[in-house]
Amino acid sequence: GVGATVLALPARHPLTRRNRARWRAVGGQ
């Protein structure tokens, strides 16, 4: 329930790309 925003560089690491997608899947910006 904590307000969170992510500012990100393009993801190079495969797990970072995966967790960026998981963040987007739960409504993260």
Full PDB file with SEQRES, HELIX, SHEET, SSBOND, CRYST1, ORIGX, SCALE, CONECT and MASTER records, all heavy atoms in Angstrom:
SEQRES   1 A   29  GLY VAL GLY ALA THR VAL LEU ALA LEU PRO ALA ARG HIS          
SEQRES   2 A   29  PRO LEU THR ARG ARG ASN ARG ALA ARG TRP ARG ALA VAL          
SEQRES   3 A   29  GLY GLY GLN                                                  
HELIX    1 AA1 PRO A   14  ALA A   25  1                                  12    
CRYST1    1.000    1.000    1.000  90.00  90.00  90.00 P 1           1          
ORIGX1      1.000000  0.000000  0.000000        0.00000                         
ORIGX2      0.000000  1.000000  0.000000        0.00000                         
ORIGX3      0.000000  0.000000  1.000000        0.00000                         
SCALE1      1.000000  0.000000  0.000000        0.00000                         
SCALE2      0.000000  1.000000  0.000000        0.00000                         
SCALE3      0.000000  0.000000  1.000000        0.00000                         
ATOM      1  N   GLY A   1       0.784  -1.224   0.000  1.00  0.00           N  
ATOM      2  CA  GLY A   1       0.000   0.000   0.000  1.00  0.00           C  
ATOM      3  C   GLY A   1       0.814   1.272   0.000  1.00  0.00           C  
ATOM      4  O   GLY A   1       0.286   2.356   0.286  1.00  0.00           O  
ATOM      5  N   VAL A   2       2.089   1.180  -0.325  1.00  0.00           N  
ATOM      6  CA  VAL A   2       2.963   2.348  -0.339  1.00  0.00           C  
ATOM      7  C   VAL A   2       3.033   2.903  -1.751  1.00  0.00           C  
ATOM      8  O   VAL A   2       3.244   2.158  -2.722  1.00  0.00           O  
ATOM      9  CB  VAL A   2       4.386   1.976   0.150  1.00  0.00           C  
ATOM     10  CG1 VAL A   2       5.318   3.184   0.061  1.00  0.00           C  
ATOM     11  CG2 VAL A   2       4.334   1.448   1.572  1.00  0.00           C  
ATOM     12  N   GLY A   3       2.875   4.214  -1.907  1.00  0.00           N  
ATOM     13  CA  GLY A   3       2.993   4.841  -3.211  1.00  0.00           C  
ATOM     14  C   GLY A   3       4.417   4.742  -3.729  1.00  0.00           C  
ATOM     15  O   GLY A   3       5.360   5.116  -3.034  1.00  0.00           O  
ATOM     16  N   ALA A   4       4.605   4.219  -4.938  1.00  0.00           N  
ATOM     17  CA  ALA A   4       5.944   4.009  -5.484  1.00  0.00           C  
ATOM     18  C   ALA A   4       5.958   4.296  -6.974  1.00  0.00           C  
ATOM     19  O   ALA A   4       5.042   3.903  -7.712  1.00  0.00           O  
ATOM     20  CB  ALA A   4       6.410   2.581  -5.218  1.00  0.00           C  
ATOM     21  N   THR A   5       7.009   4.989  -7.409  1.00  0.00           N  
ATOM     22  CA  THR A   5       7.251   5.257  -8.824  1.00  0.00           C  
ATOM     23  C   THR A   5       8.678   4.866  -9.140  1.00  0.00           C  
ATOM     24  O   THR A   5       9.590   5.080  -8.335  1.00  0.00           O  
ATOM     25  CB  THR A   5       7.042   6.748  -9.144  1.00  0.00           C  
ATOM     26  OG1 THR A   5       5.684   7.099  -8.865  1.00  0.00           O  
ATOM     27  CG2 THR A   5       7.353   7.048 -10.602  1.00  0.00           C  
ATOM     28  N   VAL A   6       8.891   4.301 -10.337  1.00  0.00           N  
ATOM     29  CA  VAL A   6      10.223   3.892 -10.751  1.00  0.00           C  
ATOM     30  C   VAL A   6      10.662   4.732 -11.950  1.00  0.00           C  
ATOM     31  O   VAL A   6       9.930   4.850 -12.944  1.00  0.00           O  
ATOM     32  CB  VAL A   6      10.267   2.399 -11.121  1.00  0.00           C  
ATOM     33  CG1 VAL A   6      11.673   2.017 -11.589  1.00  0.00           C  
ATOM     34  CG2 VAL A   6       9.855   1.543  -9.934  1.00  0.00           C  
ATOM     35  N   LEU A   7      11.851   5.318 -11.835  1.00  0.00           N  
ATOM     36  CA  LEU A   7      12.541   5.914 -12.976  1.00  0.00           C  
ATOM     37  C   LEU A   7      13.623   4.934 -13.382  1.00  0.00           C  
ATOM     38  O   LEU A   7      14.445   4.541 -12.549  1.00  0.00           O  
ATOM     39  CB  LEU A   7      13.168   7.254 -12.602  1.00  0.00           C  
ATOM     40  CG  LEU A   7      12.248   8.337 -12.034  1.00  0.00           C  
ATOM     41  CD1 LEU A   7      13.050   9.602 -11.733  1.00  0.00           C  
ATOM     42  CD2 LEU A   7      11.109   8.640 -12.982  1.00  0.00           C  
ATOM     43  N   ALA A   8      13.638   4.526 -14.658  1.00  0.00           N  
ATOM     44  CA  ALA A   8      14.519   3.422 -15.046  1.00  0.00           C  
ATOM     45  C   ALA A   8      15.266   3.711 -16.337  1.00  0.00           C  
ATOM     46  O   ALA A   8      14.761   4.383 -17.248  1.00  0.00           O  
ATOM     47  CB  ALA A   8      13.718   2.130 -15.202  1.00  0.00           C  
ATOM     48  N   LEU A   9      16.475   3.150 -16.394  1.00  0.00           N  
ATOM     49  CA  LEU A   9      17.229   3.059 -17.635  1.00  0.00           C  
ATOM     50  C   LEU A   9      16.772   1.811 -18.389  1.00  0.00           C  
ATOM     51  O   LEU A   9      16.158   0.914 -17.794  1.00  0.00           O  
ATOM     52  CB  LEU A   9      18.725   2.959 -17.331  1.00  0.00           C  
ATOM     53  CG  LEU A   9      19.376   4.175 -16.659  1.00  0.00           C  
ATOM     54  CD1 LEU A   9      20.827   3.862 -16.302  1.00  0.00           C  
ATOM     55  CD2 LEU A   9      19.289   5.399 -17.570  1.00  0.00           C  
ATOM     56  N   PRO A  10      17.057   1.703 -19.683  1.00  0.00           N  
ATOM     57  CA  PRO A  10      16.740   0.456 -20.398  1.00  0.00           C  
ATOM     58  C   PRO A  10      17.396  -0.743 -19.710  1.00  0.00           C  
ATOM     59  O   PRO A  10      18.573  -0.694 -19.346  1.00  0.00           O  
ATOM     60  CB  PRO A  10      17.334   0.696 -21.786  1.00  0.00           C  
ATOM     61  CG  PRO A  10      17.332   2.188 -21.944  1.00  0.00           C  
ATOM     62  CD  PRO A  10      17.628   2.729 -20.576  1.00  0.00           C  
ATOM     63  N   ALA A  11      16.646  -1.816 -19.513  1.00  0.00           N  
ATOM     64  CA  ALA A  11      17.132  -2.980 -18.768  1.00  0.00           C  
ATOM     65  C   ALA A  11      18.037  -3.833 -19.640  1.00  0.00           C  
ATOM     66  O   ALA A  11      17.634  -4.275 -20.733  1.00  0.00           O  
ATOM     67  CB  ALA A  11      15.957  -3.803 -18.258  1.00  0.00           C  
ATOM     68  N   ARG A  12      19.266  -4.088 -19.163  1.00  0.00           N  
ATOM     69  CA  ARG A  12      20.207  -4.969 -19.869  1.00  0.00           C  
ATOM     70  C   ARG A  12      20.179  -6.382 -19.317  1.00  0.00           C  
ATOM     71  O   ARG A  12      20.320  -7.359 -20.044  1.00  0.00           O  
ATOM     72  CB  ARG A  12      21.644  -4.428 -19.738  1.00  0.00           C  
ATOM     73  CG  ARG A  12      21.836  -3.021 -20.243  1.00  0.00           C  
ATOM     74  CD  ARG A  12      23.318  -2.617 -20.190  1.00  0.00           C  
ATOM     75  NE  ARG A  12      23.945  -2.939 -18.915  1.00  0.00           N  
ATOM     76  CZ  ARG A  12      23.922  -2.152 -17.850  1.00  0.00           C  
ATOM     77  NH1 ARG A  12      23.278  -0.991 -17.900  1.00  0.00           N  
ATOM     78  NH2 ARG A  12      24.520  -2.506 -16.731  1.00  0.00           N  
ATOM     79  N   HIS A  13      20.033  -6.506 -18.007  1.00  0.00           N  
ATOM     80  CA  HIS A  13      20.077  -7.810 -17.350  1.00  0.00           C  
ATOM     81  C   HIS A  13      18.755  -8.543 -17.592  1.00  0.00           C  
ATOM     82  O   HIS A  13      17.675  -7.955 -17.453  1.00  0.00           O  
ATOM     83  CB  HIS A  13      20.307  -7.608 -15.858  1.00  0.00           C  
ATOM     84  CG  HIS A  13      20.722  -8.844 -15.119  1.00  0.00           C  
ATOM     85  ND1 HIS A  13      19.855  -9.880 -14.864  1.00  0.00           N  
ATOM     86  CD2 HIS A  13      21.924  -9.206 -14.582  1.00  0.00           C  
ATOM     87  CE1 HIS A  13      20.492 -10.821 -14.186  1.00  0.00           C  
ATOM     88  NE2 HIS A  13      21.751 -10.440 -14.019  1.00  0.00           N  
ATOM     89  N   PRO A  14      18.788  -9.843 -17.954  1.00  0.00           N  
ATOM     90  CA  PRO A  14      17.528 -10.553 -18.256  1.00  0.00           C  
ATOM     91  C   PRO A  14      16.562 -10.596 -17.070  1.00  0.00           C  
ATOM     92  O   PRO A  14      15.343 -10.488 -17.265  1.00  0.00           O  
ATOM     93  CB  PRO A  14      18.002 -11.955 -18.658  1.00  0.00           C  
ATOM     94  CG  PRO A  14      19.409 -12.074 -18.174  1.00  0.00           C  
ATOM     95  CD  PRO A  14      19.965 -10.701 -18.196  1.00  0.00           C  
ATOM     96  N   LEU A  15      17.074 -10.732 -15.849  1.00  0.00           N  
ATOM     97  CA  LEU A  15      16.183 -10.751 -14.679  1.00  0.00           C  
ATOM     98  C   LEU A  15      15.622  -9.370 -14.388  1.00  0.00           C  
ATOM     99  O   LEU A  15      14.504  -9.246 -13.864  1.00  0.00           O  
ATOM    100  CB  LEU A  15      16.921 -11.294 -13.465  1.00  0.00           C  
ATOM    101  CG  LEU A  15      17.305 -12.767 -13.511  1.00  0.00           C  
ATOM    102  CD1 LEU A  15      18.044 -13.173 -12.239  1.00  0.00           C  
ATOM    103  CD2 LEU A  15      16.075 -13.646 -13.700  1.00  0.00           C  
ATOM    104  N   THR A  16      16.369  -8.341 -14.726  1.00  0.00           N  
ATOM    105  CA  THR A  16      15.847  -6.983 -14.561  1.00  0.00           C  
ATOM    106  C   THR A  16      14.709  -6.745 -15.543  1.00  0.00           C  
ATOM    107  O   THR A  16      13.672  -6.149 -15.188  1.00  0.00           O  
ATOM    108  CB  THR A  16      16.977  -5.950 -14.761  1.00  0.00           C  
ATOM    109  OG1 THR A  16      18.012  -6.219 -13.814  1.00  0.00           O  
ATOM    110  CG2 THR A  16      16.473  -4.531 -14.569  1.00  0.00           C  
ATOM    111  N   ARG A  17      14.854  -7.229 -16.783  1.00  0.00           N  
ATOM    112  CA  ARG A  17      13.759  -7.113 -17.752  1.00  0.00           C  
ATOM    113  C   ARG A  17      12.530  -7.872 -17.255  1.00  0.00           C  
ATOM    114  O   ARG A  17      11.400  -7.381 -17.363  1.00  0.00           O  
ATOM    115  CB  ARG A  17      14.204  -7.644 -19.111  1.00  0.00           C  
ATOM    116  CG  ARG A  17      15.221  -6.752 -19.820  1.00  0.00           C  
ATOM    117  CD  ARG A  17      15.337  -7.108 -21.299  1.00  0.00           C  
ATOM    118  NE  ARG A  17      15.922  -8.423 -21.494  1.00  0.00           N  
ATOM    119  CZ  ARG A  17      17.225  -8.658 -21.631  1.00  0.00           C  
ATOM    120  NH1 ARG A  17      18.086  -7.643 -21.579  1.00  0.00           N  
ATOM    121  NH2 ARG A  17      17.680  -9.876 -21.828  1.00  0.00           N  
ATOM    122  N   ARG A  18      12.759  -9.044 -16.689  1.00  0.00           N  
ATOM    123  CA  ARG A  18      11.629  -9.839 -16.197  1.00  0.00           C  
ATOM    124  C   ARG A  18      10.918  -9.121 -15.047  1.00  0.00           C  
ATOM    125  O   ARG A  18       9.675  -9.066 -15.007  1.00  0.00           O  
ATOM    126  CB  ARG A  18      12.124 -11.207 -15.734  1.00  0.00           C  
ATOM    127  CG  ARG A  18      11.004 -12.108 -15.202  1.00  0.00           C  
ATOM    128  CD  ARG A  18      11.552 -13.435 -14.701  1.00  0.00           C  
ATOM    129  NE  ARG A  18      12.237 -14.178 -15.753  1.00  0.00           N  
ATOM    130  CZ  ARG A  18      12.858 -15.341 -15.551  1.00  0.00           C  
ATOM    131  NH1 ARG A  18      12.883 -15.884 -14.335  1.00  0.00           N  
ATOM    132  NH2 ARG A  18      13.453 -15.957 -16.548  1.00  0.00           N  
ATOM    133  N   ASN A  19      11.694  -8.557 -14.127  1.00  0.00           N  
ATOM    134  CA  ASN A  19      11.056  -7.904 -12.980  1.00  0.00           C  
ATOM    135  C   ASN A  19      10.470  -6.550 -13.337  1.00  0.00           C  
ATOM    136  O   ASN A  19       9.528  -6.087 -12.677  1.00  0.00           O  
ATOM    137  CB  ASN A  19      12.061  -7.786 -11.832  1.00  0.00           C  
ATOM    138  CG  ASN A  19      12.150  -9.078 -11.044  1.00  0.00           C  
ATOM    139  OD1 ASN A  19      11.175  -9.521 -10.453  1.00  0.00           O  
ATOM    140  ND2 ASN A  19      13.317  -9.715 -11.088  1.00  0.00           N  
ATOM    141  N   ARG A  20      10.974  -5.923 -14.390  1.00  0.00           N  
ATOM    142  CA  ARG A  20      10.300  -4.722 -14.898  1.00  0.00           C  
ATOM    143  C   ARG A  20       8.915  -5.090 -15.421  1.00  0.00           C  
ATOM    144  O   ARG A  20       7.922  -4.361 -15.184  1.00  0.00           O  
ATOM    145  CB  ARG A  20      11.151  -4.083 -15.986  1.00  0.00           C  
ATOM    146  CG  ARG A  20      10.545  -2.817 -16.568  1.00  0.00           C  
ATOM    147  CD  ARG A  20      11.534  -2.079 -17.454  1.00  0.00           C  
ATOM    148  NE  ARG A  20      10.941  -0.871 -18.020  1.00  0.00           N  
ATOM    149  CZ  ARG A  20      11.633   0.169 -18.450  1.00  0.00           C  
ATOM    150  NH1 ARG A  20      12.961   0.159 -18.385  1.00  0.00           N  
ATOM    151  NH2 ARG A  20      11.029   1.218 -18.963  1.00  0.00           N  
ATOM    152  N   ALA A  21       8.826  -6.228 -16.131  1.00  0.00           N  
ATOM    153  CA  ALA A  21       7.522  -6.678 -16.648  1.00  0.00           C  
ATOM    154  C   ALA A  21       6.581  -7.051 -15.500  1.00  0.00           C  
ATOM    155  O   ALA A  21       5.380  -6.749 -15.546  1.00  0.00           O  
ATOM    156  CB  ALA A  21       7.724  -7.869 -17.583  1.00  0.00           C  
ATOM    157  N   ARG A  22       7.103  -7.679 -14.460  1.00  0.00           N  
ATOM    158  CA  ARG A  22       6.256  -8.054 -13.309  1.00  0.00           C  
ATOM    159  C   ARG A  22       5.762  -6.798 -12.591  1.00  0.00           C  
ATOM    160  O   ARG A  22       4.625  -6.768 -12.094  1.00  0.00           O  
ATOM    161  CB  ARG A  22       7.044  -8.948 -12.356  1.00  0.00           C  
ATOM    162  CG  ARG A  22       7.431 -10.284 -12.959  1.00  0.00           C  
ATOM    163  CD  ARG A  22       8.221 -11.139 -11.978  1.00  0.00           C  
ATOM    164  NE  ARG A  22       7.369 -11.694 -10.945  1.00  0.00           N  
ATOM    165  CZ  ARG A  22       7.805 -12.370  -9.887  1.00  0.00           C  
ATOM    166  NH1 ARG A  22       9.110 -12.561  -9.737  1.00  0.00           N  
ATOM    167  NH2 ARG A  22       6.974 -12.845  -8.998  1.00  0.00           N  
ATOM    168  N   TRP A  23       6.592  -5.788 -12.515  1.00  0.00           N  
ATOM    169  CA  TRP A  23       6.185  -4.512 -11.914  1.00  0.00           C  
ATOM    170  C   TRP A  23       5.055  -3.880 -12.737  1.00  0.00           C  
ATOM    171  O   TRP A  23       4.054  -3.408 -12.186  1.00  0.00           O  
ATOM    172  CB  TRP A  23       7.414  -3.603 -11.850  1.00  0.00           C  
ATOM    173  CG  TRP A  23       7.179  -2.129 -11.653  1.00  0.00           C  
ATOM    174  CD1 TRP A  23       7.492  -1.140 -12.530  1.00  0.00           C  
ATOM    175  CD2 TRP A  23       6.627  -1.474 -10.515  1.00  0.00           C  
ATOM    176  NE1 TRP A  23       7.174   0.086 -12.023  1.00  0.00           N  
ATOM    177  CE2 TRP A  23       6.634  -0.091 -10.758  1.00  0.00           C  
ATOM    178  CE3 TRP A  23       6.106  -1.922  -9.304  1.00  0.00           C  
ATOM    179  CZ2 TRP A  23       6.157   0.848  -9.870  1.00  0.00           C  
ATOM    180  CZ3 TRP A  23       5.630  -0.984  -8.393  1.00  0.00           C  
ATOM    181  CH2 TRP A  23       5.654   0.379  -8.672  1.00  0.00           C  
ATOM    182  N   ARG A  24       5.193  -3.930 -14.053  1.00  0.00           N  
ATOM    183  CA  ARG A  24       4.153  -3.378 -14.918  1.00  0.00           C  
ATOM    184  C   ARG A  24       2.860  -4.185 -14.780  1.00  0.00           C  
ATOM    185  O   ARG A  24       1.758  -3.619 -14.803  1.00  0.00           O  
ATOM    186  CB  ARG A  24       4.650  -3.384 -16.367  1.00  0.00           C  
ATOM    187  CG  ARG A  24       3.669  -2.741 -17.346  1.00  0.00           C  
ATOM    188  CD  ARG A  24       4.280  -2.576 -18.744  1.00  0.00           C  
ATOM    189  NE  ARG A  24       4.678  -3.851 -19.323  1.00  0.00           N  
ATOM    190  CZ  ARG A  24       5.938  -4.222 -19.535  1.00  0.00           C  
ATOM    191  NH1 ARG A  24       6.940  -3.413 -19.216  1.00  0.00           N  
ATOM    192  NH2 ARG A  24       6.210  -5.401 -20.070  1.00  0.00           N  
ATOM    193  N   ALA A  25       2.992  -5.502 -14.589  1.00  0.00           N  
ATOM    194  CA  ALA A  25       1.814  -6.369 -14.519  1.00  0.00           C  
ATOM    195  C   ALA A  25       0.946  -6.088 -13.301  1.00  0.00           C  
ATOM    196  O   ALA A  25      -0.264  -6.358 -13.332  1.00  0.00           O  
ATOM    197  CB  ALA A  25       2.248  -7.828 -14.526  1.00  0.00           C  
ATOM    198  N   VAL A  26       1.538  -5.551 -12.219  1.00  0.00           N  
ATOM    199  CA  VAL A  26       0.744  -5.238 -11.024  1.00  0.00           C  
ATOM    200  C   VAL A  26       0.323  -3.772 -11.002  1.00  0.00           C  
ATOM    201  O   VAL A  26      -0.176  -3.268  -9.991  1.00  0.00           O  
ATOM    202  CB  VAL A  26       1.502  -5.590  -9.726  1.00  0.00           C  
ATOM    203  CG1 VAL A  26       1.782  -7.076  -9.652  1.00  0.00           C  
ATOM    204  CG2 VAL A  26       2.791  -4.778  -9.605  1.00  0.00           C  
ATOM    205  N   GLY A  27       0.514  -3.080 -12.141  1.00  0.00           N  
ATOM    206  CA  GLY A  27       0.061  -1.694 -12.245  1.00  0.00           C  
ATOM    207  C   GLY A  27       1.101  -0.655 -11.922  1.00  0.00           C  
ATOM    208  O   GLY A  27       0.766   0.533 -11.791  1.00  0.00           O  
ATOM    209  N   GLY A  28       2.342  -1.056 -11.803  1.00  0.00           N  
ATOM    210  CA  GLY A  28       3.391  -0.105 -11.480  1.00  0.00           C  
ATOM    211  C   GLY A  28       3.745   0.796 -12.640  1.00  0.00           C  
ATOM    212  O   GLY A  28       3.670   0.389 -13.806  1.00  0.00           O  
ATOM    213  N   GLN A  29       4.146   2.017 -12.327  1.00  0.00           N  
ATOM    214  CA  GLN A  29       4.472   3.008 -13.358  1.00  0.00           C  
ATOM    215  C   GLN A  29       5.995   3.140 -13.484  1.00  0.00           C  
ATOM    216  O   GLN A  29       6.702   3.320 -12.499  1.00  0.00           O  
ATOM    217  CB  GLN A  29       3.874   4.363 -12.986  1.00  0.00           C  
ATOM    218  CG  GLN A  29       4.106   5.444 -14.032  1.00  0.00           C  
ATOM    219  CD  GLN A  29       3.522   6.785 -13.616  1.00  0.00           C  
ATOM    220  OE1 GLN A  29       3.308   7.023 -12.433  1.00  0.00           O  
ATOM    221  NE2 GLN A  29       3.253   7.650 -14.590  1.00  0.00           N  
TER     222      GLN A  29                                                      
MASTER        0    0    0    1    0    0    0    6  221    1    0    3          
END                                                                             
